[in-house]
Amino acid sequence: MHVAVFIATAVILSLLNTRRAEPAKKLHWAPKVLIGFFLLLFIIDGALIYIASHGLPGFVAKRFMPDADKGGAHTAFPGVMPHGEDAAKAVTRI
């Protein structure tokens, strides 16, 4: 959901600039920064969603994960843990 909102915001901001009736002027730096910011958020969120669902690609894991060459590093998101009474007790002990 957030990814769609970020890319839609960047597209809307760029479209608002192109719908002027007067001759084309250069875009002010502030809207450029906002468009760039939301596009950067879109790219980062997309990468995090990919990593969470598929795990790190092998070449990235070999470069950044410790001891990834010695064994298979499992980097995918394991799933949702049940949040029951035991989980609440574990949090209060900390």
C-alpha atoms as a PDB file:
ATOM      1  CA  MET A   1       0.000   0.000   0.000  1.00  0.00           C
ATOM      2  CA  HIS A   2       2.728   2.455   0.951  1.00  0.00           C
ATOM      3  CA  VAL A   3       4.651   1.728  -2.230  1.00  0.00           C
ATOM      4  CA  ALA A   4       1.637   2.659  -4.349  1.00  0.00           C
ATOM      5  CA  VAL A   5       1.094   5.874  -2.399  1.00  0.00           C
ATOM      6  CA  PHE A   6       4.738   6.935  -2.778  1.00  0.00           C
ATOM      7  CA  ILE A   7       4.853   6.404  -6.529  1.00  0.00           C
ATOM      8  CA  ALA A   8       1.412   8.000  -6.984  1.00  0.00           C
ATOM      9  CA  THR A   9       2.533  11.087  -5.055  1.00  0.00           C
ATOM     10  CA  ALA A  10       5.607  11.474  -7.252  1.00  0.00           C
ATOM     11  CA  VAL A  11       3.516  11.085 -10.416  1.00  0.00           C
ATOM     12  CA  ILE A  12       0.871  13.570  -9.247  1.00  0.00           C
ATOM     13  CA  LEU A  13       3.501  16.158  -8.329  1.00  0.00           C
ATOM     14  CA  SER A  14       5.132  15.849 -11.738  1.00  0.00           C
ATOM     15  CA  LEU A  15       1.758  16.015 -13.533  1.00  0.00           C
ATOM     16  CA  LEU A  16       0.753  19.158 -11.662  1.00  0.00           C
ATOM     17  CA  ASN A  17       3.780  20.913 -13.088  1.00  0.00           C
ATOM     18  CA  THR A  18       3.059  19.909 -16.700  1.00  0.00           C
ATOM     19  CA  ARG A  19      -0.600  21.045 -16.768  1.00  0.00           C
ATOM     20  CA  ARG A  20       0.151  24.779 -16.817  1.00  0.00           C
ATOM     21  CA  ALA A  21      -1.341  26.927 -19.596  1.00  0.00           C
ATOM     22  CA  GLU A  22       1.550  29.405 -19.588  1.00  0.00           C
ATOM     23  CA  PRO A  23       4.833  28.730 -21.384  1.00  0.00           C
ATOM     24  CA  ALA A  24       6.989  26.057 -19.815  1.00  0.00           C
ATOM     25  CA  LYS A  25       9.231  27.256 -17.006  1.00  0.00           C
ATOM     26  CA  LYS A  26      11.828  25.352 -15.089  1.00  0.00           C
ATOM     27  CA  LEU A  27      10.513  23.391 -12.140  1.00  0.00           C
ATOM     28  CA  HIS A  28      11.416  24.886  -8.774  1.00  0.00           C
ATOM     29  CA  TRP A  29      13.905  22.881  -6.706  1.00  0.00           C
ATOM     30  CA  ALA A  30      11.426  22.086  -3.903  1.00  0.00           C
ATOM     31  CA  PRO A  31       9.009  20.009  -6.034  1.00  0.00           C
ATOM     32  CA  LYS A  32      12.022  18.277  -7.608  1.00  0.00           C
ATOM     33  CA  VAL A  33      13.226  17.298  -4.141  1.00  0.00           C
ATOM     34  CA  LEU A  34       9.765  15.994  -3.181  1.00  0.00           C
ATOM     35  CA  ILE A  35       9.462  13.969  -6.386  1.00  0.00           C
ATOM     36  CA  GLY A  36      12.945  12.536  -5.879  1.00  0.00           C
ATOM     37  CA  PHE A  37      12.212  11.737  -2.238  1.00  0.00           C
ATOM     38  CA  PHE A  38       9.060   9.774  -3.031  1.00  0.00           C
ATOM     39  CA  LEU A  39      10.757   7.950  -5.912  1.00  0.00           C
ATOM     40  CA  LEU A  40      13.615   7.005  -3.563  1.00  0.00           C
ATOM     41  CA  LEU A  41      11.097   5.731  -0.996  1.00  0.00           C
ATOM     42  CA  PHE A  42       9.430   3.699  -3.749  1.00  0.00           C
ATOM     43  CA  ILE A  43      12.741   2.064  -4.701  1.00  0.00           C
ATOM     44  CA  ILE A  44      13.783   1.340  -1.103  1.00  0.00           C
ATOM     45  CA  ASP A  45      10.366  -0.070  -0.144  1.00  0.00           C
ATOM     46  CA  GLY A  46      10.324  -2.248  -3.242  1.00  0.00           C
ATOM     47  CA  ALA A  47      13.753  -3.636  -2.377  1.00  0.00           C
ATOM     48  CA  LEU A  48      12.716  -4.352   1.213  1.00  0.00           C
ATOM     49  CA  ILE A  49       9.529  -6.100   0.084  1.00  0.00           C
ATOM     50  CA  TYR A  50      11.554  -8.234  -2.336  1.00  0.00           C
ATOM     51  CA  ILE A  51      14.082  -9.159   0.369  1.00  0.00           C
ATOM     52  CA  ALA A  52      11.304  -9.983   2.849  1.00  0.00           C
ATOM     53  CA  SER A  53       9.543 -12.316   0.438  1.00  0.00           C
ATOM     54  CA  HIS A  54      12.461 -13.899  -1.461  1.00  0.00           C
ATOM     55  CA  GLY A  55      15.487 -13.374   0.797  1.00  0.00           C
ATOM     56  CA  LEU A  56      18.740 -11.717  -0.201  1.00  0.00           C
ATOM     57  CA  PRO A  57      20.112 -12.566  -3.624  1.00  0.00           C
ATOM     58  CA  GLY A  58      23.134 -14.875  -3.423  1.00  0.00           C
ATOM     59  CA  PHE A  59      25.735 -12.322  -4.509  1.00  0.00           C
ATOM     60  CA  VAL A  60      24.503  -9.796  -1.928  1.00  0.00           C
ATOM     61  CA  ALA A  61      24.470 -12.408   0.838  1.00  0.00           C
ATOM     62  CA  LYS A  62      28.045 -13.449   0.013  1.00  0.00           C
ATOM     63  CA  ARG A  63      29.184  -9.842   0.144  1.00  0.00           C
ATOM     64  CA  PHE A  64      27.442  -8.639   3.316  1.00  0.00           C
ATOM     65  CA  MET A  65      26.434 -11.658   5.424  1.00  0.00           C
ATOM     66  CA  PRO A  66      29.062 -13.135   7.750  1.00  0.00           C
ATOM     67  CA  ASP A  67      30.073 -16.723   6.914  1.00  0.00           C
ATOM     68  CA  ALA A  68      27.662 -16.968   3.991  1.00  0.00           C
ATOM     69  CA  ASP A  69      30.322 -18.869   2.032  1.00  0.00           C
ATOM     70  CA  LYS A  70      30.482 -21.698   4.598  1.00  0.00           C
ATOM     71  CA  GLY A  71      26.792 -22.540   4.681  1.00  0.00           C
ATOM     72  CA  GLY A  72      23.485 -21.553   3.229  1.00  0.00           C
ATOM     73  CA  ALA A  73      22.304 -18.352   4.858  1.00  0.00           C
ATOM     74  CA  HIS A  74      18.507 -18.247   5.112  1.00  0.00           C
ATOM     75  CA  THR A  75      17.554 -14.589   4.767  1.00  0.00           C
ATOM     76  CA  ALA A  76      13.837 -14.755   3.910  1.00  0.00           C
ATOM     77  CA  PHE A  77      11.174 -13.607   6.338  1.00  0.00           C
ATOM     78  CA  PRO A  78      10.084 -16.703   8.279  1.00  0.00           C
ATOM     79  CA  GLY A  79       6.455 -15.706   8.641  1.00  0.00           C
ATOM     80  CA  VAL A  80       4.187 -14.397  11.344  1.00  0.00           C
ATOM     81  CA  MET A  81       4.641 -15.659  14.875  1.00  0.00           C
ATOM     82  CA  PRO A  82       1.522 -16.200  16.991  1.00  0.00           C
ATOM     83  CA  HIS A  83       1.076 -13.459  19.528  1.00  0.00           C
ATOM     84  CA  GLY A  84      -0.346 -15.247  22.493  1.00  0.00           C
ATOM     85  CA  GLU A  85      -0.096 -15.089  26.230  1.00  0.00           C
ATOM     86  CA  ASP A  86       3.494 -16.365  26.235  1.00  0.00           C
ATOM     87  CA  ALA A  87       4.648 -13.547  23.980  1.00  0.00           C
ATOM     88  CA  ALA A  88       3.144 -10.938  26.296  1.00  0.00           C
ATOM     89  CA  LYS A  89       4.851 -12.515  29.300  1.00  0.00           C
ATOM     90  CA  ALA A  90       8.194 -12.536  27.492  1.00  0.00           C
ATOM     91  CA  VAL A  91       7.909  -8.835  26.744  1.00  0.00           C
ATOM     92  CA  THR A  92       7.107  -7.932  30.347  1.00  0.00           C
ATOM     93  CA  ARG A  93      10.135  -9.870  31.621  1.00  0.00           C
ATOM     94  CA  ILE A  94      12.493  -7.679  29.623  1.00  0.00           C
END
